[in-house]
Structures are given as C-alpha cells and as structure tokens.
PDB file of N, CA and C in Angstrom:
ATOM      1  N   MET A   1      19.758 107.975  62.680  1.00  0.00           N
ATOM      2  CA  MET A   1      20.382 108.510  61.424  1.00  0.00           C
ATOM      3  C   MET A   1      20.776 107.813  60.571  1.00  0.00           C
ATOM      4  N   ALA A   2      19.810 108.249  59.098  1.00  0.00           N
ATOM      5  CA  ALA A   2      19.258 107.988  57.983  1.00  0.00           C
ATOM      6  C   ALA A   2      21.356 107.754  57.537  1.00  0.00           C
ATOM      7  N   ILE A   3      20.947 107.257  56.320  1.00  0.00           N
ATOM      8  CA  ILE A   3      22.527 105.512  56.290  1.00  0.00           C
ATOM      9  C   ILE A   3      22.202 106.807  54.799  1.00  0.00           C
ATOM     10  N   GLY A   4      23.968 107.480  54.294  1.00  0.00           N
ATOM     11  CA  GLY A   4      24.196 107.362  52.557  1.00  0.00           C
ATOM     12  C   GLY A   4      23.649 109.378  52.391  1.00  0.00           C
ATOM     13  N   SER A   5      23.033 109.223  51.294  1.00  0.00           N
ATOM     14  CA  SER A   5      23.474 110.714  51.371  1.00  0.00           C
ATOM     15  C   SER A   5      22.055 111.240  50.294  1.00  0.00           C
ATOM     16  N   GLN A   6      22.086 112.737  50.534  1.00  0.00           N
ATOM     17  CA  GLN A   6      20.302 113.310  49.316  1.00  0.00           C
ATOM     18  C   GLN A   6      20.906 114.320  48.796  1.00  0.00           C
ATOM     19  N   VAL A   7      20.286 114.221  47.323  1.00  0.00           N
ATOM     20  CA  VAL A   7      20.447 115.467  46.837  1.00  0.00           C
ATOM     21  C   VAL A   7      19.671 116.412  46.558  1.00  0.00           C
ATOM     22  N   HIS A   8      19.877 117.909  47.639  1.00  0.00           N
ATOM     23  CA  HIS A   8      18.661 118.628  47.001  1.00  0.00           C
ATOM     24  C   HIS A   8      20.175 120.368  46.349  1.00  0.00           C
ATOM     25  N   GLY A   9      18.484 120.389  45.454  1.00  0.00           N
ATOM     26  CA  GLY A   9      18.917 120.978  44.394  1.00  0.00           C
ATOM     27  C   GLY A   9      20.940 120.911  43.902  1.00  0.00           C
ATOM     28  N   CYS A  10      21.346 121.861  43.474  1.00  0.00           N
ATOM     29  CA  CYS A  10      22.832 121.272  43.512  1.00  0.00           C
ATOM     30  C   CYS A  10      23.220 121.147  44.607  1.00  0.00           C
ATOM     31  N   LEU A  11      22.559 120.882  45.849  1.00  0.00           N
ATOM     32  CA  LEU A  11      23.418 120.339  47.236  1.00  0.00           C
ATOM     33  C   LEU A  11      23.349 119.012  46.854  1.00  0.00           C
ATOM     34  N   LYS A  12      24.603 118.643  48.242  1.00  0.00           N
ATOM     35  CA  LYS A  12      24.206 117.166  48.087  1.00  0.00           C
ATOM     36  C   LYS A  12      24.746 117.173  49.800  1.00  0.00           C
ATOM     37  N   ILE A  13      23.651 115.842  50.270  1.00  0.00           N
ATOM     38  CA  ILE A  13      23.835 116.391  51.593  1.00  0.00           C
ATOM     39  C   ILE A  13      24.555 115.057  52.063  1.00  0.00           C
ATOM     40  N   ILE A  14      25.846 115.120  53.184  1.00  0.00           N
ATOM     41  CA  ILE A  14      26.373 113.603  53.454  1.00  0.00           C
ATOM     42  C   ILE A  14      26.199 113.202  54.825  1.00  0.00           C
ATOM     43  N   TYR A  15      25.216 111.308  54.609  1.00  0.00           N
ATOM     44  CA  TYR A  15      25.391 111.756  56.470  1.00  0.00           C
ATOM     45  C   TYR A  15      25.927 111.288  56.996  1.00  0.00           C
ATOM     46  N   MET A  16      26.763 112.083  58.416  1.00  0.00           N
ATOM     47  CA  MET A  16      27.843 111.068  58.639  1.00  0.00           C
ATOM     48  C   MET A  16      27.145 109.764  60.120  1.00  0.00           C
ATOM     49  N   LYS A  17      28.136 109.253  59.769  1.00  0.00           N
ATOM     50  CA  LYS A  17      27.801 107.602  60.305  1.00  0.00           C
ATOM     51  C   LYS A  17      28.987 107.555  61.859  1.00  0.00           C
ATOM     52  N   ASN A  18      29.038 106.738  62.671  1.00  0.00           N
ATOM     53  CA  ASN A  18      30.216 106.287  63.970  1.00  0.00           C
ATOM     54  C   ASN A  18      30.576 105.581  63.667  1.00  0.00           C
ATOM     55  N   TYR A  19      31.327 105.316  63.601  1.00  0.00           N
ATOM     56  CA  TYR A  19      32.507 103.947  62.933  1.00  0.00           C
ATOM     57  C   TYR A  19      33.417 104.213  64.319  1.00  0.00           C
ATOM     58  N   THR A  20      33.533 102.783  64.715  1.00  0.00           N
ATOM     59  CA  THR A  20      34.343 102.015  65.549  1.00  0.00           C
ATOM     60  C   THR A  20      35.891 101.661  64.530  1.00  0.00           C
ATOM     61  N   VAL A  21      37.210 102.222  65.305  1.00  0.00           N
ATOM     62  CA  VAL A  21      38.731 102.109  63.749  1.00  0.00           C
ATOM     63  C   VAL A  21      39.289 101.783  65.014  1.00  0.00           C
ATOM     64  N   TYR A  22      39.578  99.703  65.293  1.00  0.00           N
ATOM     65  CA  TYR A  22      40.019  99.054  65.406  1.00  0.00           C
ATOM     66  C   TYR A  22      41.952  99.723  64.268  1.00  0.00           C
ATOM     67  N   PHE A  23      42.670  99.244  65.596  1.00  0.00           N
ATOM     68  CA  PHE A  23      44.485  99.331  65.066  1.00  0.00           C
ATOM     69  C   PHE A  23      45.818  99.228  66.241  1.00  0.00           C
ATOM     70  N   GLU A  24      46.709  99.149  65.434  1.00  0.00           N
ATOM     71  CA  GLU A  24      47.701  98.316  67.035  1.00  0.00           C
ATOM     72  C   GLU A  24      49.159  99.123  66.245  1.00  0.00           C
ATOM     73  N   ILE A  25      49.610  99.230  67.622  1.00  0.00           N
ATOM     74  CA  ILE A  25      50.271 100.381  67.035  1.00  0.00           C
ATOM     75  C   ILE A  25      51.757  99.948  68.042  1.00  0.00           C
ATOM     76  N   TYR A  26      52.817  99.813  68.023  1.00  0.00           N
ATOM     77  CA  TYR A  26      53.596  98.817  68.765  1.00  0.00           C
ATOM     78  C   TYR A  26      53.224  97.322  69.611  1.00  0.00           C
ATOM     79  N   GLY A  27      52.552  97.570  69.061  1.00  0.00           N
ATOM     80  CA  GLY A  27      51.955  95.255  69.493  1.00  0.00           C
ATOM     81  C   GLY A  27      51.162  96.484  70.442  1.00  0.00           C
ATOM     82  N   LYS A  28      50.333  97.487  70.275  1.00  0.00           N
ATOM     83  CA  LYS A  28      49.485  97.512  71.435  1.00  0.00           C
ATOM     84  C   LYS A  28      48.146  97.543  70.423  1.00  0.00           C
ATOM     85  N   LYS A  29      47.051  97.175  70.816  1.00  0.00           N
ATOM     86  CA  LYS A  29      45.860  96.994  70.264  1.00  0.00           C
ATOM     87  C   LYS A  29      45.389  98.117  70.515  1.00  0.00           C
ATOM     88  N   LEU A  30      44.757  98.641  70.087  1.00  0.00           N
ATOM     89  CA  LEU A  30      43.889  99.968  70.717  1.00  0.00           C
ATOM     90  C   LEU A  30      42.260 100.789  69.548  1.00  0.00           C
ATOM     91  N   LYS A  31      41.217 100.956  70.065  1.00  0.00           N
ATOM     92  CA  LYS A  31      40.031 101.382  69.311  1.00  0.00           C
ATOM     93  C   LYS A  31      39.812 102.367  69.928  1.00  0.00           C
ATOM     94  N   THR A  32      38.835 103.454  68.811  1.00  0.00           N
ATOM     95  CA  THR A  32      38.199 104.747  68.676  1.00  0.00           C
ATOM     96  C   THR A  32      37.219 105.040  68.331  1.00  0.00           C
ATOM     97  N   THR A  33      36.281 105.258  68.347  1.00  0.00           N
ATOM     98  CA  THR A  33      35.118 106.102  67.667  1.00  0.00           C
ATOM     99  C   THR A  33      35.486 107.458  67.241  1.00  0.00           C
ATOM    100  N   VAL A  34      34.683 107.356  66.047  1.00  0.00           N
ATOM    101  CA  VAL A  34      35.195 108.394  65.181  1.00  0.00           C
ATOM    102  C   VAL A  34      33.734 109.009  64.438  1.00  0.00           C
ATOM    103  N   MET A  35      33.470 109.510  63.933  1.00  0.00           N
ATOM    104  CA  MET A  35      32.296 110.048  63.283  1.00  0.00           C
ATOM    105  C   MET A  35      32.955 110.332  61.025  1.00  0.00           C
ATOM    106  N   ALA A  36      32.208 110.407  60.428  1.00  0.00           N
ATOM    107  CA  ALA A  36      32.915 109.936  58.985  1.00  0.00           C
ATOM    108  C   ALA A  36      31.965 109.621  58.444  1.00  0.00           C
ATOM    109  N   ASN A  37      32.085 109.819  56.843  1.00  0.00           N
ATOM    110  CA  ASN A  37      31.072 109.396  55.641  1.00  0.00           C
ATOM    111  C   ASN A  37      31.430 108.188  55.707  1.00  0.00           C
ATOM    112  N   ASN A  38      32.814 107.448  55.908  1.00  0.00           N
ATOM    113  CA  ASN A  38      32.476 105.782  55.242  1.00  0.00           C
ATOM    114  C   ASN A  38      33.631 105.786  55.583  1.00  0.00           C
ATOM    115  N   ARG A  39      34.253 104.248  55.248  1.00  0.00           N
ATOM    116  CA  ARG A  39      34.936 103.347  56.390  1.00  0.00           C
ATOM    117  C   ARG A  39      36.507 104.572  56.327  1.00  0.00           C
ATOM    118  N   GLU A  40      37.054 105.193  54.401  1.00  0.00           N
ATOM    119  CA  GLU A  40      37.725 105.067  54.533  1.00  0.00           C
ATOM    120  C   GLU A  40      38.364 106.824  55.183  1.00  0.00           C
ATOM    121  N   HIS A  41      36.777 107.829  54.482  1.00  0.00           N
ATOM    122  CA  HIS A  41      37.331 109.146  55.157  1.00  0.00           C
ATOM    123  C   HIS A  41      37.508 108.221  57.495  1.00  0.00           C
ATOM    124  N   ALA A  42      37.462 107.469  58.209  1.00  0.00           N
ATOM    125  CA  ALA A  42      37.232 107.122  59.443  1.00  0.00           C
ATOM    126  C   ALA A  42      38.694 106.890  59.632  1.00  0.00           C
ATOM    127  N   GLU A  43      39.221 105.537  58.835  1.00  0.00           N
ATOM    128  CA  GLU A  43      40.558 105.423  58.740  1.00  0.00           C
ATOM    129  C   GLU A  43      41.791 107.297  58.341  1.00  0.00           C
ATOM    130  N   GLU A  44      41.477 108.028  57.543  1.00  0.00           N
ATOM    131  CA  GLU A  44      41.922 108.589  57.366  1.00  0.00           C
ATOM    132  C   GLU A  44      41.646 110.486  58.773  1.00  0.00           C
ATOM    133  N   ILE A  45      40.906 110.442  59.385  1.00  0.00           N
ATOM    134  CA  ILE A  45      40.657 110.636  60.589  1.00  0.00           C
ATOM    135  C   ILE A  45      41.739 109.976  61.350  1.00  0.00           C
ATOM    136  N   ILE A  46      42.181 108.818  61.312  1.00  0.00           N
ATOM    137  CA  ILE A  46      42.927 108.468  63.160  1.00  0.00           C
ATOM    138  C   ILE A  46      44.496 108.654  62.418  1.00  0.00           C
ATOM    139  N   ARG A  47      44.296 108.613  61.194  1.00  0.00           N
ATOM    140  CA  ARG A  47      46.206 109.285  60.628  1.00  0.00           C
ATOM    141  C   ARG A  47      46.065 110.089  61.008  1.00  0.00           C
ATOM    142  N   ASN A  48      45.536 111.386  60.394  1.00  0.00           N
ATOM    143  CA  ASN A  48      45.893 112.646  60.661  1.00  0.00           C
ATOM    144  C   ASN A  48      45.851 113.459  61.965  1.00  0.00           C
ATOM    145  N   LYS A  49      45.427 112.568  63.719  1.00  0.00           N
ATOM    146  CA  LYS A  49      45.737 112.133  64.782  1.00  0.00           C
ATOM    147  C   LYS A  49      46.917 111.866  64.920  1.00  0.00           C
ATOM    148  N   ILE A  50      48.003 111.700  64.578  1.00  0.00           N
ATOM    149  CA  ILE A  50      48.869 110.752  65.034  1.00  0.00           C
ATOM    150  C   ILE A  50      49.759 112.353  64.137  1.00  0.00           C
ATOM    151  N   ILE A  51      51.190 112.821  65.433  1.00  0.00           N
ATOM    152  CA  ILE A  51      51.997 114.033  64.824  1.00  0.00           C
ATOM    153  C   ILE A  51      53.146 113.479  64.832  1.00  0.00           C
ATOM    154  N   PHE A  52      54.043 114.043  64.570  1.00  0.00           N
ATOM    155  CA  PHE A  52      55.127 113.314  63.853  1.00  0.00           C
ATOM    156  C   PHE A  52      55.869 114.801  64.322  1.00  0.00           C
ATOM    157  N   HIS A  53      56.754 114.584  65.822  1.00  0.00           N
ATOM    158  CA  HIS A  53      57.327 115.704  66.148  1.00  0.00           C
ATOM    159  C   HIS A  53      59.241 115.123  65.118  1.00  0.00           C
ATOM    160  N   LYS A  54      59.515 114.026  64.222  1.00  0.00           N
ATOM    161  CA  LYS A  54      61.043 114.786  64.214  1.00  0.00           C
ATOM    162  C   LYS A  54      61.713 113.208  63.763  1.00  0.00           C
ATOM    163  N   ILE A  55      61.913 113.026  62.886  1.00  0.00           N
ATOM    164  CA  ILE A  55      62.574 111.688  61.801  1.00  0.00           C
ATOM    165  C   ILE A  55      63.664 112.031  61.222  1.00  0.00           C
ATOM    166  N   ALA A  56      64.693 111.239  62.662  1.00  0.00           N
ATOM    167  CA  ALA A  56      66.322 111.050  61.715  1.00  0.00           C
ATOM    168  C   ALA A  56      66.353 109.378  61.905  1.00  0.00           C
ATOM    169  N   LEU A  57      67.666 109.434  61.794  1.00  0.00           N
ATOM    170  CA  LEU A  57      68.308 108.269  61.021  1.00  0.00           C
ATOM    171  C   LEU A  57      68.682 108.113  62.702  1.00  0.00           C
ATOM    172  N   MET A  58      69.246 106.922  62.699  1.00  0.00           N
ATOM    173  CA  MET A  58      69.178 106.631  64.026  1.00  0.00           C
ATOM    174  C   MET A  58      70.654 106.315  64.483  1.00  0.00           C
ATOM    175  N   ASP A  59      71.890 107.107  64.011  1.00  0.00           N
ATOM    176  CA  ASP A  59      73.183 107.124  64.423  1.00  0.00           C
ATOM    177  C   ASP A  59      73.441 108.476  64.345  1.00  0.00           C
ATOM    178  N   ASP A  60      72.011 109.262  64.680  1.00  0.00           N
ATOM    179  CA  ASP A  60      72.356 110.929  64.982  1.00  0.00           C
ATOM    180  C   ASP A  60      71.213 110.894  65.661  1.00  0.00           C
ATOM    181  N   ASP A  61      71.903 110.785  67.234  1.00  0.00           N
ATOM    182  CA  ASP A  61      71.127 110.784  68.542  1.00  0.00           C
ATOM    183  C   ASP A  61      71.901 112.768  69.312  1.00  0.00           C
ATOM    184  N   LYS A  62      72.205 113.270  68.875  1.00  0.00           N
ATOM    185  CA  LYS A  62      72.937 114.223  69.565  1.00  0.00           C
ATOM    186  C   LYS A  62      71.789 115.652  69.076  1.00  0.00           C
ATOM    187  N   ASP A  63      71.132 115.481  68.416  1.00  0.00           N
ATOM    188  CA  ASP A  63      69.716 116.124  68.519  1.00  0.00           C
ATOM    189  C   ASP A  63      68.813 115.774  69.211  1.00  0.00           C
ATOM    190  N   ASP A  64      68.341 114.817  69.942  1.00  0.00           N
ATOM    191  CA  ASP A  64      67.620 113.467  70.249  1.00  0.00           C
ATOM    192  C   ASP A  64      66.010 114.862  70.694  1.00  0.00           C
ATOM    193  N   LEU A  65      64.589 114.913  70.393  1.00  0.00           N
ATOM    194  CA  LEU A  65      64.372 115.476  70.302  1.00  0.00           C
ATOM    195  C   LEU A  65      63.360 115.134  72.336  1.00  0.00           C
ATOM    196  N   PHE A  66      63.833 113.966  72.288  1.00  0.00           N
ATOM    197  CA  PHE A  66      62.684 113.629  73.720  1.00  0.00           C
ATOM    198  C   PHE A  66      64.315 113.308  73.890  1.00  0.00           C
ATOM    199  N   SER A  67      65.193 114.060  74.435  1.00  0.00           N
ATOM    200  CA  SER A  67      66.562 114.030  75.259  1.00  0.00           C
ATOM    201  C   SER A  67      66.085 114.542  76.804  1.00  0.00           C
ATOM    202  N   LYS A  68      65.772 115.510  76.949  1.00  0.00           N
ATOM    203  CA  LYS A  68      65.192 114.992  78.538  1.00  0.00           C
ATOM    204  C   LYS A  68      63.538 113.988  79.333  1.00  0.00           C
ATOM    205  N   GLU A  69      64.534 113.970  80.088  1.00  0.00           N
ATOM    206  CA  GLU A  69      62.707 113.195  81.306  1.00  0.00           C
ATOM    207  C   GLU A  69      62.097 113.443  80.314  1.00  0.00           C
ATOM    208  N   ASP A  70      62.082 115.021  81.085  1.00  0.00           N
ATOM    209  CA  ASP A  70      60.760 115.744  81.390  1.00  0.00           C
ATOM    210  C   ASP A  70      60.312 116.210  79.910  1.00  0.00           C
ATOM    211  N   ASP A  71      60.396 115.994  78.741  1.00  0.00           N
ATOM    212  CA  ASP A  71      59.810 116.102  77.871  1.00  0.00           C
ATOM    213  C   ASP A  71      59.345 114.666  77.238  1.00  0.00           C
ATOM    214  N   MET A  72      59.570 113.149  77.647  1.00  0.00           N
ATOM    215  CA  MET A  72      58.892 111.999  77.249  1.00  0.00           C
ATOM    216  C   MET A  72      57.491 112.114  76.866  1.00  0.00           C
ATOM    217  N   PRO A  73      56.938 111.674  76.275  1.00  0.00           N
ATOM    218  CA  PRO A  73      55.648 110.980  76.337  1.00  0.00           C
ATOM    219  C   PRO A  73      55.459 110.463  77.603  1.00  0.00           C
ATOM    220  N   PRO A  74      54.387 109.817  77.959  1.00  0.00           N
ATOM    221  CA  PRO A  74      54.574 109.434  79.348  1.00  0.00           C
ATOM    222  C   PRO A  74      53.958 108.087  78.839  1.00  0.00           C
ATOM    223  N   ASN A  75      54.260 106.812  79.575  1.00  0.00           N
ATOM    224  CA  ASN A  75      54.433 104.919  79.604  1.00  0.00           C
ATOM    225  C   ASN A  75      54.483 105.579  77.964  1.00  0.00           C
ATOM    226  N   ASP A  76      56.110 105.910  77.897  1.00  0.00           N
ATOM    227  CA  ASP A  76      56.157 104.978  76.363  1.00  0.00           C
ATOM    228  C   ASP A  76      55.485 106.040  75.422  1.00  0.00           C
ATOM    229  N   GLY A  77      54.926 106.864  75.766  1.00  0.00           N
ATOM    230  CA  GLY A  77      54.022 107.406  74.634  1.00  0.00           C
ATOM    231  C   GLY A  77      52.503 107.111  74.711  1.00  0.00           C
ATOM    232  N   LEU A  78      52.125 105.465  74.535  1.00  0.00           N
ATOM    233  CA  LEU A  78      51.228 105.087  75.134  1.00  0.00           C
ATOM    234  C   LEU A  78      49.811 106.109  75.694  1.00  0.00           C
ATOM    235  N   ASP A  79      50.323 106.590  76.381  1.00  0.00           N
ATOM    236  CA  ASP A  79      48.666 107.638  77.041  1.00  0.00           C
ATOM    237  C   ASP A  79      48.793 108.803  76.674  1.00  0.00           C
ATOM    238  N   TYR A  80      50.395 109.089  75.719  1.00  0.00           N
ATOM    239  CA  TYR A  80      50.484 109.860  74.625  1.00  0.00           C
ATOM    240  C   TYR A  80      48.787 109.846  74.178  1.00  0.00           C
ATOM    241  N   LEU A  81      49.087 109.585  73.168  1.00  0.00           N
ATOM    242  CA  LEU A  81      48.597 108.579  71.833  1.00  0.00           C
ATOM    243  C   LEU A  81      46.674 108.330  71.997  1.00  0.00           C
ATOM    244  N   LYS A  82      46.752 107.811  73.048  1.00  0.00           N
ATOM    245  CA  LYS A  82      45.702 107.330  73.578  1.00  0.00           C
ATOM    246  C   LYS A  82      44.641 108.869  73.799  1.00  0.00           C
ATOM    247  N   ASN A  83      45.587 110.010  74.197  1.00  0.00           N
ATOM    248  CA  ASN A  83      44.882 111.415  74.176  1.00  0.00           C
ATOM    249  C   ASN A  83      44.918 112.217  73.133  1.00  0.00           C
ATOM    250  N   ILE A  84      45.436 111.941  72.576  1.00  0.00           N
ATOM    251  CA  ILE A  84      45.514 112.637  71.108  1.00  0.00           C
ATOM    252  C   ILE A  84      44.835 111.975  70.148  1.00  0.00           C
ATOM    253  N   LEU A  85      44.172 110.690  70.103  1.00  0.00           N
ATOM    254  CA  LEU A  85      42.665 109.929  69.584  1.00  0.00           C
ATOM    255  C   LEU A  85      41.828 109.596  70.913  1.00  0.00           C
ATOM    256  N   GLY A  86      41.533 110.518  71.753  1.00  0.00           N
ATOM    257  CA  GLY A  86      40.395 110.424  72.378  1.00  0.00           C
ATOM    258  C   GLY A  86      40.401 109.062  72.673  1.00  0.00           C
ATOM    259  N   ILE A  87      40.804 108.432  73.108  1.00  0.00           N
ATOM    260  CA  ILE A  87      40.776 106.717  74.146  1.00  0.00           C
ATOM    261  C   ILE A  87      40.699 107.031  74.691  1.00  0.00           C
ATOM    262  N   LYS A  88      39.799 106.650  76.122  1.00  0.00           N
ATOM    263  CA  LYS A  88      39.351 106.249  77.313  1.00  0.00           C
ATOM    264  C   LYS A  88      39.707 105.098  78.114  1.00  0.00           C
ATOM    265  N   ASP A  89      40.518 105.220  79.007  1.00  0.00           N
ATOM    266  CA  ASP A  89      40.299 103.487  79.214  1.00  0.00           C
ATOM    267  C   ASP A  89      39.302 102.950  80.408  1.00  0.00           C
TER     268      ASP A  89
END
C-alpha cells in the first residue's frame, strides 16, 4: 500500500495504514492492529473503543452499576476489554 497522500484537484486522498498498537491496562499488556491515517489517529481509535459505564466516588457503593454477579464483565473485565478492542488470544 502506498504511503502518504495525493492531491487530485480539490480532493486530498489519504492512505490508511495498518498500525499495531501496544498498550497497558491494569498492568496487563495488550496489542491490537488498527487501520489509521497516522500514529495519533491509531491511538485515538483505541481510546474511543473504551466504554465508560459509570464513574462514581469510592464511598458511593449503594448505586453500584455491577452490583449483580450477572452484570460483571467476565474475568475482571479483561475478556470484555479484549472483545471491545478486537483482540484475539
């Protein structure tokens, strides 16, 4: 695949490239591959895949989003996160 961009009239064509993104969450090192315009775009794609369900103060446990066992993401959320990011074991 060609690298960079070309200008055709007023239209600029940007070539997407495959980037392998290495990141860490809760001490677990992970990697995934994304198609992006550049390094910053690849990082943004990974950041945008994280879904925040709720942010609460530590002493606010009476309204726990994952209070039922059924609602807990599997394996402390790691499998859930891998699924969101498209990471295969």
